[in-house]
Amino acid sequence: MLLEAQGAIVDGPAATTADAMRLVSERIPDVAIVDINLRDGERSYELIDRLQDRGIRIVVLTGYGDVSLRKNKATVVLQKPARDEVLIASLRKRD
């Protein structure tokens, strides 16, 4: 609701890598908000790689204090709970 109130078109949520990639095959987003933990213990590292390969900007939103992502895998890593204005600012396209 927060993102839609800001004028964003929201696809998802997607609970698994397969679900997320199905959404991406239908329409490529400007940015993806990705949690590290997905359904049934799946981790999102493969999803992040696949989204990055497609040129999609990634914002990681996680409860983990230490996220082991290779450099430049995500535009930003935010800790839950992220303040609304911080999340919105991280999603804005940077030139």
PDB file of N, CA and C in Angstrom:
ATOM      1  N   MET A   1       0.823  -1.193   0.000  1.00  0.00           N
ATOM      2  CA  MET A   1       0.000   0.000   0.000  1.00  0.00           C
ATOM      3  C   MET A   1       0.868   1.258   0.000  1.00  0.00           C
ATOM      4  N   LEU A   2       1.971   1.201   0.741  1.00  0.00           N
ATOM      5  CA  LEU A   2       2.876   2.348   0.787  1.00  0.00           C
ATOM      6  C   LEU A   2       3.391   2.690  -0.614  1.00  0.00           C
ATOM      7  N   LEU A   3       3.830   1.683  -1.340  1.00  0.00           N
ATOM      8  CA  LEU A   3       4.393   1.923  -2.673  1.00  0.00           C
ATOM      9  C   LEU A   3       3.324   2.380  -3.655  1.00  0.00           C
ATOM     10  N   GLU A   4       2.159   1.766  -3.593  1.00  0.00           N
ATOM     11  CA  GLU A   4       1.069   2.174  -4.480  1.00  0.00           C
ATOM     12  C   GLU A   4       0.623   3.595  -4.181  1.00  0.00           C
ATOM     13  N   ALA A   5       0.640   3.988  -2.911  1.00  0.00           N
ATOM     14  CA  ALA A   5       0.287   5.363  -2.538  1.00  0.00           C
ATOM     15  C   ALA A   5       1.277   6.370  -3.119  1.00  0.00           C
ATOM     16  N   GLN A   6       2.491   5.908  -3.403  1.00  0.00           N
ATOM     17  CA  GLN A   6       3.526   6.761  -4.006  1.00  0.00           C
ATOM     18  C   GLN A   6       3.467   6.724  -5.535  1.00  0.00           C
ATOM     19  N   GLY A   7       2.482   5.991  -6.093  1.00  0.00           N
ATOM     20  CA  GLY A   7       2.310   5.928  -7.542  1.00  0.00           C
ATOM     21  C   GLY A   7       2.993   4.759  -8.212  1.00  0.00           C
ATOM     22  N   ALA A   8       3.540   3.840  -7.434  1.00  0.00           N
ATOM     23  CA  ALA A   8       4.234   2.682  -8.009  1.00  0.00           C
ATOM     24  C   ALA A   8       3.227   1.622  -8.447  1.00  0.00           C
ATOM     25  N   ILE A   9       3.589   0.904  -9.479  1.00  0.00           N
ATOM     26  CA  ILE A   9       2.849  -0.283  -9.887  1.00  0.00           C
ATOM     27  C   ILE A   9       3.564  -1.454  -9.224  1.00  0.00           C
ATOM     28  N   VAL A  10       2.849  -2.198  -8.404  1.00  0.00           N
ATOM     29  CA  VAL A  10       3.454  -3.263  -7.612  1.00  0.00           C
ATOM     30  C   VAL A  10       3.040  -4.619  -8.165  1.00  0.00           C
ATOM     31  N   ASP A  11       4.015  -5.420  -8.516  1.00  0.00           N
ATOM     32  CA  ASP A  11       3.797  -6.815  -8.884  1.00  0.00           C
ATOM     33  C   ASP A  11       4.288  -7.650  -7.719  1.00  0.00           C
ATOM     34  N   GLY A  12       3.521  -8.625  -7.335  1.00  0.00           N
ATOM     35  CA  GLY A  12       3.951  -9.454  -6.225  1.00  0.00           C
ATOM     36  C   GLY A  12       3.059  -9.234  -5.041  1.00  0.00           C
ATOM     37  N   PRO A  13       3.412  -9.819  -3.945  1.00  0.00           N
ATOM     38  CA  PRO A  13       4.714 -10.396  -3.624  1.00  0.00           C
ATOM     39  C   PRO A  13       4.926 -11.752  -4.277  1.00  0.00           C
ATOM     40  N   ALA A  14       6.171 -12.165  -4.292  1.00  0.00           N
ATOM     41  CA  ALA A  14       6.569 -13.478  -4.793  1.00  0.00           C
ATOM     42  C   ALA A  14       7.282 -14.201  -3.656  1.00  0.00           C
ATOM     43  N   ALA A  15       6.832 -15.411  -3.362  1.00  0.00           N
ATOM     44  CA  ALA A  15       7.359 -16.140  -2.203  1.00  0.00           C
ATOM     45  C   ALA A  15       8.597 -16.963  -2.514  1.00  0.00           C
ATOM     46  N   THR A  16       8.863 -17.219  -3.795  1.00  0.00           N
ATOM     47  CA  THR A  16      10.005 -18.055  -4.190  1.00  0.00           C
ATOM     48  C   THR A  16      10.718 -17.424  -5.378  1.00  0.00           C
ATOM     49  N   THR A  17      11.917 -17.920  -5.664  1.00  0.00           N
ATOM     50  CA  THR A  17      12.643 -17.470  -6.849  1.00  0.00           C
ATOM     51  C   THR A  17      11.822 -17.743  -8.100  1.00  0.00           C
ATOM     52  N   ALA A  18      11.218 -18.923  -8.192  1.00  0.00           N
ATOM     53  CA  ALA A  18      10.413 -19.273  -9.368  1.00  0.00           C
ATOM     54  C   ALA A  18       9.246 -18.306  -9.540  1.00  0.00           C
ATOM     55  N   ASP A  19       8.569 -17.977  -8.439  1.00  0.00           N
ATOM     56  CA  ASP A  19       7.454 -17.020  -8.515  1.00  0.00           C
ATOM     57  C   ASP A  19       7.936 -15.658  -8.985  1.00  0.00           C
ATOM     58  N   ALA A  20       9.049 -15.204  -8.453  1.00  0.00           N
ATOM     59  CA  ALA A  20       9.596 -13.895  -8.828  1.00  0.00           C
ATOM     60  C   ALA A  20       9.986 -13.869 -10.297  1.00  0.00           C
ATOM     61  N   MET A  21      10.634 -14.914 -10.769  1.00  0.00           N
ATOM     62  CA  MET A  21      11.061 -14.945 -12.170  1.00  0.00           C
ATOM     63  C   MET A  21       9.860 -15.029 -13.116  1.00  0.00           C
ATOM     64  N   ARG A  22       8.790 -15.668 -12.672  1.00  0.00           N
ATOM     65  CA  ARG A  22       7.561 -15.704 -13.474  1.00  0.00           C
ATOM     66  C   ARG A  22       7.005 -14.277 -13.616  1.00  0.00           C
ATOM     67  N   LEU A  23       6.999 -13.517 -12.535  1.00  0.00           N
ATOM     68  CA  LEU A  23       6.543 -12.129 -12.602  1.00  0.00           C
ATOM     69  C   LEU A  23       7.424 -11.298 -13.523  1.00  0.00           C
ATOM     70  N   VAL A  24       8.740 -11.485 -13.420  1.00  0.00           N
ATOM     71  CA  VAL A  24       9.688 -10.730 -14.244  1.00  0.00           C
ATOM     72  C   VAL A  24       9.522 -11.078 -15.721  1.00  0.00           C
ATOM     73  N   SER A  25       9.138 -12.320 -16.011  1.00  0.00           N
ATOM     74  CA  SER A  25       8.942 -12.706 -17.419  1.00  0.00           C
ATOM     75  C   SER A  25       7.718 -12.020 -18.020  1.00  0.00           C
ATOM     76  N   GLU A  26       6.782 -11.614 -17.170  1.00  0.00           N
ATOM     77  CA  GLU A  26       5.580 -10.933 -17.638  1.00  0.00           C
ATOM     78  C   GLU A  26       5.803  -9.437 -17.817  1.00  0.00           C
ATOM     79  N   ARG A  27       6.587  -8.848 -16.929  1.00  0.00           N
ATOM     80  CA  ARG A  27       6.892  -7.423 -17.015  1.00  0.00           C
ATOM     81  C   ARG A  27       8.145  -7.150 -16.203  1.00  0.00           C
ATOM     82  N   ILE A  28       9.125  -6.495 -16.817  1.00  0.00           N
ATOM     83  CA  ILE A  28      10.384  -6.223 -16.134  1.00  0.00           C
ATOM     84  C   ILE A  28      10.218  -4.978 -15.261  1.00  0.00           C
ATOM     85  N   PRO A  29      10.471  -5.117 -13.968  1.00  0.00           N
ATOM     86  CA  PRO A  29      10.306  -3.963 -13.065  1.00  0.00           C
ATOM     87  C   PRO A  29      11.508  -3.029 -13.127  1.00  0.00           C
ATOM     88  N   ASP A  30      11.287  -1.807 -12.677  1.00  0.00           N
ATOM     89  CA  ASP A  30      12.388  -0.852 -12.546  1.00  0.00           C
ATOM     90  C   ASP A  30      13.294  -1.234 -11.385  1.00  0.00           C
ATOM     91  N   VAL A  31      12.685  -1.790 -10.345  1.00  0.00           N
ATOM     92  CA  VAL A  31      13.426  -2.155  -9.137  1.00  0.00           C
ATOM     93  C   VAL A  31      12.702  -3.312  -8.453  1.00  0.00           C
ATOM     94  N   ALA A  32      13.463  -4.158  -7.776  1.00  0.00           N
ATOM     95  CA  ALA A  32      12.888  -5.270  -7.017  1.00  0.00           C
ATOM     96  C   ALA A  32      13.289  -5.134  -5.560  1.00  0.00           C
ATOM     97  N   ILE A  33      12.320  -5.309  -4.671  1.00  0.00           N
ATOM     98  CA  ILE A  33      12.598  -5.364  -3.240  1.00  0.00           C
ATOM     99  C   ILE A  33      12.667  -6.841  -2.891  1.00  0.00           C
ATOM    100  N   VAL A  34      13.812  -7.257  -2.367  1.00  0.00           N
ATOM    101  CA  VAL A  34      14.054  -8.677  -2.136  1.00  0.00           C
ATOM    102  C   VAL A  34      14.470  -8.897  -0.690  1.00  0.00           C
ATOM    103  N   ASP A  35      13.832  -9.877  -0.059  1.00  0.00           N
ATOM    104  CA  ASP A  35      14.242 -10.311   1.278  1.00  0.00           C
ATOM    105  C   ASP A  35      15.222 -11.469   1.096  1.00  0.00           C
ATOM    106  N   ILE A  36      16.077 -11.692   2.049  1.00  0.00           N
ATOM    107  CA  ILE A  36      17.013 -12.814   1.974  1.00  0.00           C
ATOM    108  C   ILE A  36      16.284 -14.136   2.192  1.00  0.00           C
ATOM    109  N   ASN A  37      15.343 -14.156   3.115  1.00  0.00           N
ATOM    110  CA  ASN A  37      14.581 -15.378   3.390  1.00  0.00           C
ATOM    111  C   ASN A  37      13.331 -15.434   2.533  1.00  0.00           C
ATOM    112  N   LEU A  38      13.197 -16.520   1.783  1.00  0.00           N
ATOM    113  CA  LEU A  38      11.999 -16.762   0.999  1.00  0.00           C
ATOM    114  C   LEU A  38      11.243 -17.935   1.613  1.00  0.00           C
ATOM    115  N   ARG A  39      10.225 -18.414   0.952  1.00  0.00           N
ATOM    116  CA  ARG A  39       9.397 -19.499   1.487  1.00  0.00           C
ATOM    117  C   ARG A  39      10.203 -20.779   1.692  1.00  0.00           C
ATOM    118  N   ASP A  40       9.845 -21.519   2.719  1.00  0.00           N
ATOM    119  CA  ASP A  40      10.412 -22.839   3.026  1.00  0.00           C
ATOM    120  C   ASP A  40      11.928 -22.832   3.159  1.00  0.00           C
ATOM    121  N   GLY A  41      12.475 -21.751   3.682  1.00  0.00           N
ATOM    122  CA  GLY A  41      13.915 -21.693   3.934  1.00  0.00           C
ATOM    123  C   GLY A  41      14.772 -21.352   2.720  1.00  0.00           C
ATOM    124  N   GLU A  42      14.148 -21.114   1.573  1.00  0.00           N
ATOM    125  CA  GLU A  42      14.917 -20.722   0.373  1.00  0.00           C
ATOM    126  C   GLU A  42      15.561 -19.364   0.624  1.00  0.00           C
ATOM    127  N   ARG A  43      16.792 -19.212   0.200  1.00  0.00           N
ATOM    128  CA  ARG A  43      17.505 -17.940   0.271  1.00  0.00           C
ATOM    129  C   ARG A  43      17.453 -17.282  -1.103  1.00  0.00           C
ATOM    130  N   SER A  44      17.538 -15.967  -1.138  1.00  0.00           N
ATOM    131  CA  SER A  44      17.328 -15.229  -2.388  1.00  0.00           C
ATOM    132  C   SER A  44      18.600 -14.912  -3.164  1.00  0.00           C
ATOM    133  N   TYR A  45      19.728 -15.476  -2.806  1.00  0.00           N
ATOM    134  CA  TYR A  45      20.977 -15.119  -3.489  1.00  0.00           C
ATOM    135  C   TYR A  45      20.929 -15.433  -4.987  1.00  0.00           C
ATOM    136  N   GLU A  46      20.374 -16.571  -5.361  1.00  0.00           N
ATOM    137  CA  GLU A  46      20.239 -16.911  -6.794  1.00  0.00           C
ATOM    138  C   GLU A  46      19.289 -15.932  -7.477  1.00  0.00           C
ATOM    139  N   LEU A  47      18.192 -15.602  -6.818  1.00  0.00           N
ATOM    140  CA  LEU A  47      17.243 -14.634  -7.369  1.00  0.00           C
ATOM    141  C   LEU A  47      17.926 -13.293  -7.599  1.00  0.00           C
ATOM    142  N   ILE A  48      18.690 -12.837  -6.637  1.00  0.00           N
ATOM    143  CA  ILE A  48      19.403 -11.567  -6.777  1.00  0.00           C
ATOM    144  C   ILE A  48      20.333 -11.611  -7.980  1.00  0.00           C
ATOM    145  N   ASP A  49      21.066 -12.699  -8.158  1.00  0.00           N
ATOM    146  CA  ASP A  49      21.949 -12.847  -9.325  1.00  0.00           C
ATOM    147  C   ASP A  49      21.153 -12.780 -10.625  1.00  0.00           C
ATOM    148  N   ARG A  50      20.032 -13.481 -10.669  1.00  0.00           N
ATOM    149  CA  ARG A  50      19.222 -13.529 -11.891  1.00  0.00           C
ATOM    150  C   ARG A  50      18.602 -12.167 -12.211  1.00  0.00           C
ATOM    151  N   LEU A  51      18.156 -11.471 -11.197  1.00  0.00           N
ATOM    152  CA  LEU A  51      17.602 -10.130 -11.418  1.00  0.00           C
ATOM    153  C   LEU A  51      18.693  -9.175 -11.889  1.00  0.00           C
ATOM    154  N   GLN A  52      19.847  -9.254 -11.263  1.00  0.00           N
ATOM    155  CA  GLN A  52      20.954  -8.391 -11.670  1.00  0.00           C
ATOM    156  C   GLN A  52      21.364  -8.676 -13.114  1.00  0.00           C
ATOM    157  N   ASP A  53      21.387  -9.945 -13.510  1.00  0.00           N
ATOM    158  CA  ASP A  53      21.716 -10.304 -14.896  1.00  0.00           C
ATOM    159  C   ASP A  53      20.752  -9.673 -15.892  1.00  0.00           C
ATOM    160  N   ARG A  54      19.526  -9.406 -15.455  1.00  0.00           N
ATOM    161  CA  ARG A  54      18.518  -8.772 -16.313  1.00  0.00           C
ATOM    162  C   ARG A  54      18.546  -7.251 -16.213  1.00  0.00           C
ATOM    163  N   GLY A  55      19.473  -6.720 -15.433  1.00  0.00           N
ATOM    164  CA  GLY A  55      19.610  -5.273 -15.316  1.00  0.00           C
ATOM    165  C   GLY A  55      18.604  -4.622 -14.385  1.00  0.00           C
ATOM    166  N   ILE A  56      18.021  -5.399 -13.490  1.00  0.00           N
ATOM    167  CA  ILE A  56      17.027  -4.877 -12.562  1.00  0.00           C
ATOM    168  C   ILE A  56      17.725  -4.413 -11.288  1.00  0.00           C
ATOM    169  N   ARG A  57      17.440  -3.177 -10.883  1.00  0.00           N
ATOM    170  CA  ARG A  57      17.992  -2.669  -9.622  1.00  0.00           C
ATOM    171  C   ARG A  57      17.369  -3.435  -8.466  1.00  0.00           C
ATOM    172  N   ILE A  58      18.143  -3.674  -7.429  1.00  0.00           N
ATOM    173  CA  ILE A  58      17.706  -4.503  -6.313  1.00  0.00           C
ATOM    174  C   ILE A  58      17.894  -3.750  -4.999  1.00  0.00           C
ATOM    175  N   VAL A  59      16.831  -3.741  -4.208  1.00  0.00           N
ATOM    176  CA  VAL A  59      16.888  -3.248  -2.838  1.00  0.00           C
ATOM    177  C   VAL A  59      16.640  -4.459  -1.951  1.00  0.00           C
ATOM    178  N   VAL A  60      17.601  -4.773  -1.114  1.00  0.00           N
ATOM    179  CA  VAL A  60      17.452  -5.893  -0.187  1.00  0.00           C
ATOM    180  C   VAL A  60      16.897  -5.338   1.120  1.00  0.00           C
ATOM    181  N   LEU A  61      15.802  -5.945   1.576  1.00  0.00           N
ATOM    182  CA  LEU A  61      15.159  -5.572   2.829  1.00  0.00           C
ATOM    183  C   LEU A  61      15.195  -6.808   3.713  1.00  0.00           C
ATOM    184  N   THR A  62      15.975  -6.758   4.786  1.00  0.00           N
ATOM    185  CA  THR A  62      16.232  -7.969   5.561  1.00  0.00           C
ATOM    186  C   THR A  62      16.305  -7.704   7.059  1.00  0.00           C
ATOM    187  N   GLY A  63      16.068  -8.739   7.802  1.00  0.00           N
ATOM    188  CA  GLY A  63      16.226  -8.678   9.244  1.00  0.00           C
ATOM    189  C   GLY A  63      17.623  -9.070   9.687  1.00  0.00           C
ATOM    190  N   TYR A  64      18.435  -9.587   8.757  1.00  0.00           N
ATOM    191  CA  TYR A  64      19.794  -9.987   9.090  1.00  0.00           C
ATOM    192  C   TYR A  64      20.684  -8.768   9.287  1.00  0.00           C
ATOM    193  N   GLY A  65      21.535  -8.830  10.297  1.00  0.00           N
ATOM    194  CA  GLY A  65      22.476  -7.753  10.536  1.00  0.00           C
ATOM    195  C   GLY A  65      23.655  -7.783   9.581  1.00  0.00           C
ATOM    196  N   ASP A  66      24.027  -8.965   9.142  1.00  0.00           N
ATOM    197  CA  ASP A  66      25.171  -9.125   8.248  1.00  0.00           C
ATOM    198  C   ASP A  66      24.723  -9.934   7.039  1.00  0.00           C
ATOM    199  N   VAL A  67      24.631  -9.268   5.907  1.00  0.00           N
ATOM    200  CA  VAL A  67      24.220  -9.925   4.665  1.00  0.00           C
ATOM    201  C   VAL A  67      25.447 -10.080   3.791  1.00  0.00           C
ATOM    202  N   SER A  68      25.761 -11.313   3.441  1.00  0.00           N
ATOM    203  CA  SER A  68      26.960 -11.551   2.639  1.00  0.00           C
ATOM    204  C   SER A  68      26.606 -11.542   1.152  1.00  0.00           C
ATOM    205  N   LEU A  69      26.531 -10.323   0.608  1.00  0.00           N
ATOM    206  CA  LEU A  69      26.330 -10.135  -0.831  1.00  0.00           C
ATOM    207  C   LEU A  69      27.624  -9.609  -1.429  1.00  0.00           C
ATOM    208  N   ARG A  70      27.935 -10.104  -2.614  1.00  0.00           N
ATOM    209  CA  ARG A  70      29.105  -9.569  -3.297  1.00  0.00           C
ATOM    210  C   ARG A  70      28.868  -8.101  -3.632  1.00  0.00           C
ATOM    211  N   LYS A  71      29.935  -7.358  -3.752  1.00  0.00           N
ATOM    212  CA  LYS A  71      29.862  -5.921  -4.036  1.00  0.00           C
ATOM    213  C   LYS A  71      29.034  -5.669  -5.290  1.00  0.00           C
ATOM    214  N   ASN A  72      28.229  -4.627  -5.237  1.00  0.00           N
ATOM    215  CA  ASN A  72      27.385  -4.168  -6.347  1.00  0.00           C
ATOM    216  C   ASN A  72      26.243  -5.118  -6.698  1.00  0.00           C
ATOM    217  N   LYS A  73      25.897  -6.048  -5.828  1.00  0.00           N
ATOM    218  CA  LYS A  73      24.760  -6.938  -6.087  1.00  0.00           C
ATOM    219  C   LYS A  73      23.442  -6.236  -5.824  1.00  0.00           C
ATOM    220  N   ALA A  74      23.425  -5.313  -4.867  1.00  0.00           N
ATOM    221  CA  ALA A  74      22.202  -4.598  -4.532  1.00  0.00           C
ATOM    222  C   ALA A  74      22.485  -3.103  -4.520  1.00  0.00           C
ATOM    223  N   THR A  75      21.477  -2.322  -4.885  1.00  0.00           N
ATOM    224  CA  THR A  75      21.598  -0.871  -4.817  1.00  0.00           C
ATOM    225  C   THR A  75      21.800  -0.450  -3.373  1.00  0.00           C
ATOM    226  N   VAL A  76      21.044  -1.091  -2.483  1.00  0.00           N
ATOM    227  CA  VAL A  76      21.132  -0.791  -1.059  1.00  0.00           C
ATOM    228  C   VAL A  76      20.623  -1.995  -0.279  1.00  0.00           C
ATOM    229  N   VAL A  77      21.131  -2.159   0.934  1.00  0.00           N
ATOM    230  CA  VAL A  77      20.629  -3.172   1.858  1.00  0.00           C
ATOM    231  C   VAL A  77      20.044  -2.419   3.051  1.00  0.00           C
ATOM    232  N   LEU A  78      18.756  -2.630   3.290  1.00  0.00           N
ATOM    233  CA  LEU A  78      18.064  -1.981   4.398  1.00  0.00           C
ATOM    234  C   LEU A  78      17.720  -3.005   5.459  1.00  0.00           C
ATOM    235  N   GLN A  79      17.832  -2.596   6.707  1.00  0.00           N
ATOM    236  CA  GLN A  79      17.470  -3.449   7.838  1.00  0.00           C
ATOM    237  C   GLN A  79      15.997  -3.270   8.158  1.00  0.00           C
ATOM    238  N   LYS A  80      15.318  -4.386   8.438  1.00  0.00           N
ATOM    239  CA  LYS A  80      13.933  -4.320   8.899  1.00  0.00           C
ATOM    240  C   LYS A  80      13.924  -3.936  10.369  1.00  0.00           C
ATOM    241  N   PRO A  81      12.982  -3.181  10.794  1.00  0.00           N
ATOM    242  CA  PRO A  81      11.986  -2.491   9.983  1.00  0.00           C
ATOM    243  C   PRO A  81      12.590  -1.205   9.419  1.00  0.00           C
ATOM    244  N   ALA A  82      12.445  -0.990   8.140  1.00  0.00           N
ATOM    245  CA  ALA A  82      12.965   0.221   7.500  1.00  0.00           C
ATOM    246  C   ALA A  82      11.900   1.314   7.593  1.00  0.00           C
ATOM    247  N   ARG A  83      12.340   2.508   7.837  1.00  0.00           N
ATOM    248  CA  ARG A  83      11.402   3.634   7.853  1.00  0.00           C
ATOM    249  C   ARG A  83      10.867   3.857   6.444  1.00  0.00           C
ATOM    250  N   ASP A  84       9.602   4.232   6.358  1.00  0.00           N
ATOM    251  CA  ASP A  84       8.946   4.414   5.060  1.00  0.00           C
ATOM    252  C   ASP A  84       9.733   5.335   4.146  1.00  0.00           C
ATOM    253  N   GLU A  85      10.172   6.476   4.672  1.00  0.00           N
ATOM    254  CA  GLU A  85      10.860   7.455   3.826  1.00  0.00           C
ATOM    255  C   GLU A  85      12.218   6.937   3.345  1.00  0.00           C
ATOM    256  N   VAL A  86      12.860   6.098   4.124  1.00  0.00           N
ATOM    257  CA  VAL A  86      14.138   5.510   3.718  1.00  0.00           C
ATOM    258  C   VAL A  86      13.904   4.502   2.590  1.00  0.00           C
ATOM    259  N   LEU A  87      12.880   3.673   2.729  1.00  0.00           N
ATOM    260  CA  LEU A  87      12.554   2.717   1.678  1.00  0.00           C
ATOM    261  C   LEU A  87      12.199   3.439   0.385  1.00  0.00           C
ATOM    262  N   ILE A  88      11.330   4.436   0.459  1.00  0.00           N
ATOM    263  CA  ILE A  88      10.924   5.184  -0.737  1.00  0.00           C
ATOM    264  C   ILE A  88      12.138   5.839  -1.392  1.00  0.00           C
ATOM    265  N   ALA A  89      13.000   6.453  -0.614  1.00  0.00           N
ATOM    266  CA  ALA A  89      14.185   7.111  -1.174  1.00  0.00           C
ATOM    267  C   ALA A  89      15.106   6.091  -1.862  1.00  0.00           C
ATOM    268  N   SER A  90      15.195   4.881  -1.329  1.00  0.00           N
ATOM    269  CA  SER A  90      16.080   3.875  -1.919  1.00  0.00           C
ATOM    270  C   SER A  90      15.545   3.352  -3.247  1.00  0.00           C
ATOM    271  N   LEU A  91      14.244   3.499  -3.459  1.00  0.00           N
ATOM    272  CA  LEU A  91      13.634   3.008  -4.690  1.00  0.00           C
ATOM    273  C   LEU A  91      13.686   4.017  -5.832  1.00  0.00           C
ATOM    274  N   ARG A  92      13.881   5.267  -5.520  1.00  0.00           N
ATOM    275  CA  ARG A  92      13.907   6.285  -6.555  1.00  0.00           C
ATOM    276  C   ARG A  92      15.096   6.071  -7.467  1.00  0.00           C
ATOM    277  N   LYS A  93      14.846   6.201  -8.752  1.00  0.00           N
ATOM    278  CA  LYS A  93      15.899   5.981  -9.744  1.00  0.00           C
ATOM    279  C   LYS A  93      16.995   7.021  -9.598  1.00  0.00           C
ATOM    280  N   ARG A  94      18.200   6.534  -9.627  1.00  0.00           N
ATOM    281  CA  ARG A  94      19.365   7.425  -9.565  1.00  0.00           C
ATOM    282  C   ARG A  94      19.996   7.489 -10.939  1.00  0.00           C
ATOM    283  N   ASP A  95      20.321   8.704 -11.354  1.00  0.00           N
ATOM    284  CA  ASP A  95      20.941   8.875 -12.679  1.00  0.00           C
ATOM    285  C   ASP A  95      22.431   8.758 -12.604  1.00  0.00           C
TER     286      ASP A  95
END
